[in-house]
C-alpha atoms as a PDB file:
ATOM      1  CA  MET A   1     -28.483  -8.138   4.593  1.00  0.00           C
ATOM      2  CA  GLY A   2     -25.548 -10.496   5.151  1.00  0.00           C
ATOM      3  CA  THR A   3     -25.990 -14.237   4.535  1.00  0.00           C
ATOM      4  CA  ILE A   4     -25.636 -16.760   7.441  1.00  0.00           C
ATOM      5  CA  ALA A   5     -23.858 -19.830   6.356  1.00  0.00           C
ATOM      6  CA  ASN A   6     -21.463 -22.289   8.118  1.00  0.00           C
ATOM      7  CA  HIS A   7     -21.636 -20.171  11.431  1.00  0.00           C
ATOM      8  CA  GLY A   8     -20.555 -17.056   9.682  1.00  0.00           C
ATOM      9  CA  VAL A   9     -21.897 -13.787   8.118  1.00  0.00           C
ATOM     10  CA  ALA A  10     -20.002 -12.138   5.195  1.00  0.00           C
ATOM     11  CA  ILE A  11     -20.202  -8.414   5.476  1.00  0.00           C
ATOM     12  CA  GLU A  12     -18.679  -5.445   3.707  1.00  0.00           C
ATOM     13  CA  VAL A  13     -17.588  -2.114   5.192  1.00  0.00           C
ATOM     14  CA  ALA A  14     -16.482   0.789   3.030  1.00  0.00           C
ATOM     15  CA  GLY A  15     -15.691  -1.647   0.231  1.00  0.00           C
ATOM     16  CA  LEU A  16     -13.846  -4.257   2.397  1.00  0.00           C
ATOM     17  CA  PRO A  17     -15.151  -7.708   2.999  1.00  0.00           C
ATOM     18  CA  PHE A  18     -15.101  -9.189   6.530  1.00  0.00           C
ATOM     19  CA  LEU A  19     -16.183 -12.555   7.960  1.00  0.00           C
ATOM     20  CA  ILE A  20     -17.966 -12.668  11.191  1.00  0.00           C
ATOM     21  CA  GLU A  21     -18.121 -16.012  12.843  1.00  0.00           C
ATOM     22  CA  SER A  22     -19.802 -17.264  15.999  1.00  0.00           C
ATOM     23  CA  ASP A  23     -21.393 -20.289  17.475  1.00  0.00           C
ATOM     24  CA  SER A  24     -24.280 -18.213  18.660  1.00  0.00           C
ATOM     25  CA  ALA A  25     -27.136 -18.249  15.947  1.00  0.00           C
ATOM     26  CA  GLU A  26     -28.622 -15.209  17.850  1.00  0.00           C
ATOM     27  CA  PHE A  27     -25.466 -13.215  17.554  1.00  0.00           C
ATOM     28  CA  LEU A  28     -25.132 -13.997  13.854  1.00  0.00           C
ATOM     29  CA  HIS A  29     -28.689 -12.950  13.263  1.00  0.00           C
ATOM     30  CA  LEU A  30     -27.982  -9.665  14.915  1.00  0.00           C
ATOM     31  CA  VAL A  31     -25.073  -9.200  12.601  1.00  0.00           C
ATOM     32  CA  ALA A  32     -26.959 -10.230   9.530  1.00  0.00           C
ATOM     33  CA  THR A  33     -29.869  -7.845  10.167  1.00  0.00           C
ATOM     34  CA  ARG A  34     -27.815  -4.741  10.718  1.00  0.00           C
ATOM     35  CA  THR A  35     -28.308  -3.483   7.191  1.00  0.00           C
ATOM     36  CA  ALA A  36     -26.665  -0.032   7.852  1.00  0.00           C
ATOM     37  CA  TRP A  37     -23.112  -1.530   7.267  1.00  0.00           C
ATOM     38  CA  LEU A  38     -23.827  -4.824   5.616  1.00  0.00           C
ATOM     39  CA  THR A  39     -23.857  -5.865   1.934  1.00  0.00           C
ATOM     40  CA  ALA A  40     -23.261  -9.037   0.000  1.00  0.00           C
ATOM     41  CA  THR A  41     -19.595  -9.937  -0.621  1.00  0.00           C
ATOM     42  CA  GLY A  42     -19.971 -12.965  -2.790  1.00  0.00           C
ATOM     43  CA  SER A  43     -16.807 -15.077  -3.050  1.00  0.00           C
ATOM     44  CA  ARG A  44     -14.279 -12.394  -2.149  1.00  0.00           C
ATOM     45  CA  GLN A  45     -11.702 -13.290   0.344  1.00  0.00           C
ATOM     46  CA  PRO A  46     -12.224 -11.422   3.624  1.00  0.00           C
ATOM     47  CA  VAL A  47      -9.608  -8.912   4.868  1.00  0.00           C
ATOM     48  CA  LEU A  48     -10.370  -9.931   8.401  1.00  0.00           C
ATOM     49  CA  ASN A  49     -11.997 -12.958  10.132  1.00  0.00           C
ATOM     50  CA  ILE A  50     -13.529 -12.124  13.358  1.00  0.00           C
ATOM     51  CA  HIS A  51     -14.707 -15.155  15.674  1.00  0.00           C
ATOM     52  CA  TYR A  52     -17.064 -13.919  18.388  1.00  0.00           C
ATOM     53  CA  THR A  53     -17.928 -15.758  21.457  1.00  0.00           C
ATOM     54  CA  VAL A  54     -20.948 -14.793  23.392  1.00  0.00           C
ATOM     55  CA  THR A  55     -20.392 -14.638  27.109  1.00  0.00           C
ATOM     56  CA  PRO A  56     -23.423 -14.910  29.568  1.00  0.00           C
ATOM     57  CA  GLY A  57     -24.786 -11.772  31.339  1.00  0.00           C
ATOM     58  CA  ASP A  58     -27.079  -8.859  30.706  1.00  0.00           C
ATOM     59  CA  HIS A  59     -25.070  -5.779  30.737  1.00  0.00           C
ATOM     60  CA  THR A  60     -26.596  -2.295  30.235  1.00  0.00           C
ATOM     61  CA  TRP A  61     -24.145   0.245  28.641  1.00  0.00           C
ATOM     62  CA  PRO A  62     -24.422   3.997  28.272  1.00  0.00           C
ATOM     63  CA  ARG A  63     -26.487   5.114  25.015  1.00  0.00           C
ATOM     64  CA  GLU A  64     -23.776   7.658  24.098  1.00  0.00           C
ATOM     65  CA  GLY A  65     -20.438   6.387  23.337  1.00  0.00           C
ATOM     66  CA  GLY A  66     -20.682   2.884  24.668  1.00  0.00           C
ATOM     67  CA  PRO A  67     -18.681   1.343  27.478  1.00  0.00           C
ATOM     68  CA  PRO A  68     -15.120   2.255  28.116  1.00  0.00           C
ATOM     69  CA  PHE A  69     -12.304   0.303  26.815  1.00  0.00           C
ATOM     70  CA  SER A  70      -8.506   0.391  26.147  1.00  0.00           C
ATOM     71  CA  ILE A  71      -6.518  -0.609  23.050  1.00  0.00           C
ATOM     72  CA  GLU A  72      -2.882  -1.673  23.260  1.00  0.00           C
ATOM     73  CA  GLY A  73      -0.802  -2.861  20.386  1.00  0.00           C
ATOM     74  CA  SER A  74       2.210  -2.488  18.174  1.00  0.00           C
ATOM     75  CA  GLY A  75       3.347  -3.968  14.784  1.00  0.00           C
ATOM     76  CA  THR A  76       0.563  -6.310  13.696  1.00  0.00           C
ATOM     77  CA  ALA A  77      -1.126  -7.221  16.911  1.00  0.00           C
ATOM     78  CA  ALA A  78      -3.357  -5.492  19.318  1.00  0.00           C
ATOM     79  CA  ARG A  79      -5.598  -6.129  22.278  1.00  0.00           C
ATOM     80  CA  ILE A  80      -8.911  -4.431  22.926  1.00  0.00           C
ATOM     81  CA  VAL A  81     -10.209  -4.689  26.594  1.00  0.00           C
ATOM     82  CA  GLY A  82     -13.237  -3.452  28.322  1.00  0.00           C
ATOM     83  CA  GLU A  83     -14.972  -4.492  31.625  1.00  0.00           C
ATOM     84  CA  PHE A  84     -17.231  -7.186  29.973  1.00  0.00           C
ATOM     85  CA  PHE A  85     -15.412  -7.866  26.645  1.00  0.00           C
ATOM     86  CA  ALA A  86     -12.035  -8.463  25.032  1.00  0.00           C
ATOM     87  CA  ALA A  87     -10.555  -8.966  21.626  1.00  0.00           C
ATOM     88  CA  THR A  88      -7.191 -10.223  20.278  1.00  0.00           C
ATOM     89  CA  VAL A  89      -6.273  -8.757  16.832  1.00  0.00           C
ATOM     90  CA  ASP A  90      -3.662 -10.347  14.644  1.00  0.00           C
ATOM     91  CA  LEU A  91      -3.099  -8.565  11.213  1.00  0.00           C
ATOM     92  CA  THR A  92      -0.462 -11.136  10.182  1.00  0.00           C
ATOM     93  CA  THR A  93      -2.979 -13.916  10.064  1.00  0.00           C
ATOM     94  CA  ARG A  94      -5.947 -11.344   9.400  1.00  0.00           C
ATOM     95  CA  SER A  95      -7.821 -12.970  12.454  1.00  0.00           C
ATOM     96  CA  VAL A  96      -9.550 -11.838  15.513  1.00  0.00           C
ATOM     97  CA  ARG A  97     -10.661 -13.734  18.649  1.00  0.00           C
ATOM     98  CA  ALA A  98     -13.312 -11.799  20.578  1.00  0.00           C
ATOM     99  CA  SER A  99     -15.682 -12.357  23.362  1.00  0.00           C
ATOM    100  CA  GLY A 100     -18.371 -10.333  24.921  1.00  0.00           C
ATOM    101  CA  PRO A 101     -22.136  -9.843  25.485  1.00  0.00           C
ATOM    102  CA  LEU A 102     -24.811 -10.157  22.896  1.00  0.00           C
ATOM    103  CA  SER A 103     -23.989  -6.734  21.195  1.00  0.00           C
ATOM    104  CA  LEU A 104     -22.416  -5.300  18.084  1.00  0.00           C
ATOM    105  CA  PHE A 105     -20.378  -2.764  20.097  1.00  0.00           C
ATOM    106  CA  LEU A 106     -17.108  -4.858  20.069  1.00  0.00           C
ATOM    107  CA  ILE A 107     -17.495  -5.620  16.333  1.00  0.00           C
ATOM    108  CA  ASP A 108     -17.905  -1.874  15.642  1.00  0.00           C
ATOM    109  CA  THR A 109     -14.841  -1.079  17.806  1.00  0.00           C
ATOM    110  CA  ILE A 110     -12.745  -3.748  16.195  1.00  0.00           C
ATOM    111  CA  ILE A 111     -13.587  -2.588  12.536  1.00  0.00           C
ATOM    112  CA  ARG A 112     -12.870   1.066  13.376  1.00  0.00           C
ATOM    113  CA  ALA A 113      -9.715   0.165  15.048  1.00  0.00           C
ATOM    114  CA  VAL A 114      -8.332  -1.865  11.934  1.00  0.00           C
ATOM    115  CA  LEU A 115      -9.556   0.150   8.915  1.00  0.00           C
ATOM    116  CA  PRO A 116      -6.778   2.800   9.063  1.00  0.00           C
ATOM    117  CA  GLU A 117      -4.356  -0.259   8.984  1.00  0.00           C
ATOM    118  CA  LEU A 118      -6.013  -1.935   5.923  1.00  0.00           C
ATOM    119  CA  PHE A 119      -6.498   1.132   3.654  1.00  0.00           C
ATOM    120  CA  GLY A 120      -3.817   3.100   1.873  1.00  0.00           C
ATOM    121  CA  ASP A 121      -4.124   6.838   1.741  1.00  0.00           C
ATOM    122  CA  VAL A 122      -7.369   7.524   3.615  1.00  0.00           C
ATOM    123  CA  LEU A 123      -8.681   9.411   6.517  1.00  0.00           C
ATOM    124  CA  LEU A 124     -11.348   7.852   8.954  1.00  0.00           C
ATOM    125  CA  LEU A 125     -13.145  10.797  10.206  1.00  0.00           C
ATOM    126  CA  HIS A 126     -15.767  11.266  12.967  1.00  0.00           C
ATOM    127  CA  SER A 127     -18.301  13.063  10.766  1.00  0.00           C
ATOM    128  CA  CYS A 128     -21.735  12.961   9.159  1.00  0.00           C
ATOM    129  CA  VAL A 129     -22.099  13.416   5.426  1.00  0.00           C
ATOM    130  CA  LEU A 130     -24.852  15.296   3.535  1.00  0.00           C
ATOM    131  CA  ALA A 131     -25.103  15.140  -0.355  1.00  0.00           C
ATOM    132  CA  ARG A 132     -26.849  16.826  -3.251  1.00  0.00           C
ATOM    133  CA  ASP A 133     -26.320  16.570  -7.034  1.00  0.00           C
ATOM    134  CA  ASN A 134     -23.391  14.108  -6.480  1.00  0.00           C
ATOM    135  CA  LYS A 135     -21.496  16.535  -4.253  1.00  0.00           C
ATOM    136  CA  ALA A 136     -20.969  16.062  -0.499  1.00  0.00           C
ATOM    137  CA  TRP A 137     -20.561  18.150   2.539  1.00  0.00           C
ATOM    138  CA  VAL A 138     -18.623  16.554   5.255  1.00  0.00           C
ATOM    139  CA  CYS A 139     -19.623  17.845   8.758  1.00  0.00           C
ATOM    140  CA  SER A 140     -17.369  16.860  11.495  1.00  0.00           C
ATOM    141  CA  GLY A 141     -17.143  17.578  15.268  1.00  0.00           C
ATOM    142  CA  PRO A 142     -17.065  15.962  18.600  1.00  0.00           C
ATOM    143  CA  SER A 143     -19.975  14.321  20.154  1.00  0.00           C
ATOM    144  CA  GLY A 144     -22.631  17.031  21.031  1.00  0.00           C
ATOM    145  CA  ALA A 145     -21.539  19.356  18.256  1.00  0.00           C
ATOM    146  CA  GLY A 146     -24.647  18.786  16.183  1.00  0.00           C
ATOM    147  CA  LYS A 147     -23.972  16.064  13.645  1.00  0.00           C
ATOM    148  CA  SER A 148     -27.255  14.221  14.420  1.00  0.00           C
ATOM    149  CA  THR A 149     -29.135  17.569  14.755  1.00  0.00           C
ATOM    150  CA  LEU A 150     -27.972  18.439  11.287  1.00  0.00           C
ATOM    151  CA  LEU A 151     -28.947  15.069   9.802  1.00  0.00           C
ATOM    152  CA  SER A 152     -32.522  15.413  11.432  1.00  0.00           C
ATOM    153  CA  LEU A 153     -32.975  18.833   9.984  1.00  0.00           C
ATOM    154  CA  LEU A 154     -31.907  17.869   6.328  1.00  0.00           C
ATOM    155  CA  PRO A 155     -33.063  14.212   6.176  1.00  0.00           C
ATOM    156  CA  GLY A 156     -33.374  14.321   2.348  1.00  0.00           C
ATOM    157  CA  LEU A 157     -29.670  15.162   1.999  1.00  0.00           C
ATOM    158  CA  ALA A 158     -28.317  12.727   4.746  1.00  0.00           C
ATOM    159  CA  VAL A 159     -26.227   9.854   3.448  1.00  0.00           C
ATOM    160  CA  GLY A 160     -24.108   8.726   6.370  1.00  0.00           C
ATOM    161  CA  ASP A 161     -23.672   9.489  10.020  1.00  0.00           C
ATOM    162  CA  GLU A 162     -20.813   8.986  12.647  1.00  0.00           C
ATOM    163  CA  LEU A 163     -17.992   7.968  10.444  1.00  0.00           C
ATOM    164  CA  ALA A 164     -16.677   8.659   6.939  1.00  0.00           C
ATOM    165  CA  ILE A 165     -13.743   7.599   4.846  1.00  0.00           C
ATOM    166  CA  LEU A 166     -12.044  10.303   2.973  1.00  0.00           C
ATOM    167  CA  THR A 167      -9.816   9.656  -0.062  1.00  0.00           C
ATOM    168  CA  ARG A 168      -8.029  11.602  -2.706  1.00  0.00           C
ATOM    169  CA  HIS A 169      -8.095  11.078  -6.440  1.00  0.00           C
ATOM    170  CA  ARG A 170      -5.553  13.250  -7.981  1.00  0.00           C
ATOM    171  CA  ASP A 171      -6.508  16.765  -6.640  1.00  0.00           C
ATOM    172  CA  THR A 172     -10.118  15.772  -5.663  1.00  0.00           C
ATOM    173  CA  LEU A 173     -11.224  14.991  -2.222  1.00  0.00           C
ATOM    174  CA  CYS A 174     -13.831  12.187  -1.985  1.00  0.00           C
ATOM    175  CA  VAL A 175     -15.903  10.766   0.830  1.00  0.00           C
ATOM    176  CA  ARG A 176     -17.619   7.490   1.423  1.00  0.00           C
ATOM    177  CA  PRO A 177     -19.832   6.991   4.509  1.00  0.00           C
ATOM    178  CA  LEU A 178     -18.744   4.126   6.785  1.00  0.00           C
ATOM    179  CA  TRP A 179     -22.189   3.255   8.114  1.00  0.00           C
ATOM    180  CA  THR A 180     -24.838   3.905   5.526  1.00  0.00           C
ATOM    181  CA  ASP A 181     -27.473   1.997   3.513  1.00  0.00           C
ATOM    182  CA  GLU A 182     -27.317   0.195   0.246  1.00  0.00           C
ATOM    183  CA  ARG A 183     -28.348   3.355  -1.785  1.00  0.00           C
ATOM    184  CA  ASN A 184     -25.274   5.491  -0.497  1.00  0.00           C
ATOM    185  CA  ARG A 185     -22.333   3.228  -0.657  1.00  0.00           C
ATOM    186  CA  ARG A 186     -20.561   5.157  -3.615  1.00  0.00           C
ATOM    187  CA  SER A 187     -17.818   7.513  -3.197  1.00  0.00           C
ATOM    188  CA  LEU A 188     -18.820  11.212  -3.573  1.00  0.00           C
ATOM    189  CA  GLU A 189     -16.712  14.290  -4.435  1.00  0.00           C
ATOM    190  CA  VAL A 190     -16.462  16.726  -1.470  1.00  0.00           C
ATOM    191  CA  GLU A 191     -17.586  20.366  -2.010  1.00  0.00           C
ATOM    192  CA  SER A 192     -16.806  21.535   1.704  1.00  0.00           C
ATOM    193  CA  VAL A 193     -15.694  20.297   4.872  1.00  0.00           C
ATOM    194  CA  PHE A 194     -17.589  21.974   7.941  1.00  0.00           C
ATOM    195  CA  LEU A 195     -16.503  22.006  11.556  1.00  0.00           C
ATOM    196  CA  LEU A 196     -19.678  22.045  13.627  1.00  0.00           C
ATOM    197  CA  GLU A 197     -20.782  24.038  16.731  1.00  0.00           C
ATOM    198  CA  HIS A 198     -24.008  25.203  18.070  1.00  0.00           C
ATOM    199  CA  GLY A 199     -24.951  28.843  18.073  1.00  0.00           C
ATOM    200  CA  ASN A 200     -27.834  31.371  18.281  1.00  0.00           C
ATOM    201  CA  ARG A 201     -27.755  31.963  14.419  1.00  0.00           C
ATOM    202  CA  HIS A 202     -26.683  30.417  11.245  1.00  0.00           C
ATOM    203  CA  SER A 203     -23.190  31.635  10.251  1.00  0.00           C
ATOM    204  CA  ARG A 204     -19.929  30.235   8.683  1.00  0.00           C
ATOM    205  CA  ARG A 205     -16.324  31.319   8.423  1.00  0.00           C
ATOM    206  CA  ALA A 206     -13.332  30.239   6.766  1.00  0.00           C
ATOM    207  CA  VAL A 207     -10.918  28.098   8.834  1.00  0.00           C
ATOM    208  CA  GLY A 208      -7.186  28.460   8.553  1.00  0.00           C
ATOM    209  CA  PRO A 209      -4.668  25.641   8.372  1.00  0.00           C
ATOM    210  CA  ALA A 210      -3.681  25.680  11.923  1.00  0.00           C
ATOM    211  CA  GLU A 211      -7.020  25.720  13.357  1.00  0.00           C
ATOM    212  CA  GLY A 212      -8.302  23.163  10.856  1.00  0.00           C
ATOM    213  CA  PHE A 213      -5.473  20.690  11.514  1.00  0.00           C
ATOM    214  CA  ARG A 214      -5.997  21.050  15.335  1.00  0.00           C
ATOM    215  CA  ARG A 215      -9.654  20.291  15.224  1.00  0.00           C
ATOM    216  CA  LEU A 216      -9.735  17.695  12.587  1.00  0.00           C
ATOM    217  CA  ALA A 217      -6.884  15.735  14.298  1.00  0.00           C
ATOM    218  CA  ARG A 218      -9.134  15.241  17.337  1.00  0.00           C
ATOM    219  CA  GLU A 219     -11.928  13.787  15.070  1.00  0.00           C
ATOM    220  CA  THR A 220      -9.476  11.466  13.243  1.00  0.00           C
ATOM    221  CA  SER A 221      -9.457   7.740  13.884  1.00  0.00           C
ATOM    222  CA  TRP A 222      -5.609   7.128  14.137  1.00  0.00           C
ATOM    223  CA  PRO A 223      -4.072   3.726  13.482  1.00  0.00           C
ATOM    224  CA  ILE A 224      -3.054   1.946  16.556  1.00  0.00           C
ATOM    225  CA  LEU A 225      -0.470  -0.503  15.236  1.00  0.00           C
ATOM    226  CA  SER A 226       2.006   0.363  12.575  1.00  0.00           C
ATOM    227  CA  SER A 227       3.957   3.640  12.157  1.00  0.00           C
ATOM    228  CA  GLU A 228       3.554   3.425   8.521  1.00  0.00           C
ATOM    229  CA  ALA A 229      -0.258   3.592   8.850  1.00  0.00           C
ATOM    230  CA  THR A 230       0.019   6.478  11.183  1.00  0.00           C
ATOM    231  CA  GLU A 231       2.270   8.397   8.825  1.00  0.00           C
ATOM    232  CA  ARG A 232      -0.282   7.751   5.871  1.00  0.00           C
ATOM    233  CA  THR A 233      -3.150   9.250   8.046  1.00  0.00           C
ATOM    234  CA  PHE A 234      -0.948  12.249   8.864  1.00  0.00           C
ATOM    235  CA  VAL A 235       0.028  12.800   5.332  1.00  0.00           C
ATOM    236  CA  MET A 236      -3.601  12.569   4.304  1.00  0.00           C
ATOM    237  CA  LEU A 237      -4.887  15.040   6.975  1.00  0.00           C
ATOM    238  CA  ALA A 238      -2.244  17.481   5.902  1.00  0.00           C
ATOM    239  CA  TRP A 239      -3.299  17.166   2.278  1.00  0.00           C
ATOM    240  CA  LEU A 240      -6.936  17.608   3.169  1.00  0.00           C
ATOM    241  CA  ILE A 241      -6.213  20.938   5.110  1.00  0.00           C
ATOM    242  CA  ASP A 242      -4.116  22.102   2.073  1.00  0.00           C
ATOM    243  CA  HIS A 243      -6.656  21.465  -0.681  1.00  0.00           C
ATOM    244  CA  ALA A 244     -10.385  21.201   0.971  1.00  0.00           C
ATOM    245  CA  SER A 245     -12.569  24.191   1.314  1.00  0.00           C
ATOM    246  CA  LEU A 246     -12.875  24.256   5.142  1.00  0.00           C
ATOM    247  CA  TRP A 247     -15.381  26.295   7.116  1.00  0.00           C
ATOM    248  CA  ASN A 248     -16.653  26.617  10.643  1.00  0.00           C
ATOM    249  CA  LEU A 249     -20.452  26.264  10.744  1.00  0.00           C
ATOM    250  CA  ARG A 250     -22.440  27.758  13.690  1.00  0.00           C
ATOM    251  CA  PHE A 251     -26.177  26.810  13.475  1.00  0.00           C
ATOM    252  CA  THR A 252     -29.412  26.610  15.250  1.00  0.00           C
ATOM    253  CA  PRO A 253     -31.841  23.694  14.877  1.00  0.00           C
ATOM    254  CA  ASP A 254     -33.610  25.084  11.942  1.00  0.00           C
ATOM    255  CA  PRO A 255     -33.698  23.911   8.329  1.00  0.00           C
ATOM    256  CA  GLY A 256     -32.489  27.245   7.200  1.00  0.00           C
ATOM    257  CA  VAL A 257     -29.133  25.941   8.005  1.00  0.00           C
ATOM    258  CA  LEU A 258     -29.006  24.654   4.407  1.00  0.00           C
ATOM    259  CA  GLU A 259     -28.243  28.240   3.166  1.00  0.00           C
ATOM    260  CA  ALA A 260     -25.291  28.398   5.407  1.00  0.00           C
ATOM    261  CA  LEU A 261     -24.033  25.215   4.021  1.00  0.00           C
ATOM    262  CA  GLY A 262     -24.072  26.829   0.533  1.00  0.00           C
ATOM    263  CA  GLY A 263     -27.392  25.341  -0.629  1.00  0.00           C
END
């Protein structure tokens, strides 16, 4: 749990420290109790300070995907705008001014937008992660492809949902879930990457480079500001396609899918 002090909560996402500030004690409590992506950061200097102003109103947003928004930016500055919220990001000063309802949606959106700019050679991928014996299976696909279903079928192997950060150490692909709990924050070696789809039986097939690049590019969180960060993401995706064991996985909602995964 994050610690509330001086109108701010120190959090850590994928190893990077952030500081969330607000004049709303209710909002800070909401931030501090979201343990899925929080951990103590001690005295480390935050990579980004986010000041959030809670605006009045009771807005109901869709359960899937959240409210629509747009992101515009270049260089080191960006603006995120939705119907009931807005944020101005300045990576030169490492600061964000944001306002919106009593919700963590905009904080999530800001962090997802800036992470590819703050890391080096990484890939932020829309995927869930399963792990066993210190090896991980990265399972990617669009909303509705079956990521949540897969996690519910194999809860004992689930270590992260929605987003994961992929890195390389020499010739080894590693993964670290973005939203997870305290037990699963370490980096894991990737055994296989699966592209998910529903089917009437469990099956898997090897995926070639062209198909793999096309499908994974759609699930990649691309940088929004610098061309250098975009180039790094592109190079990392190409490296993954060239080095990872890549499969298409069709499955039914049955725990027998573990065998198709290679378990």
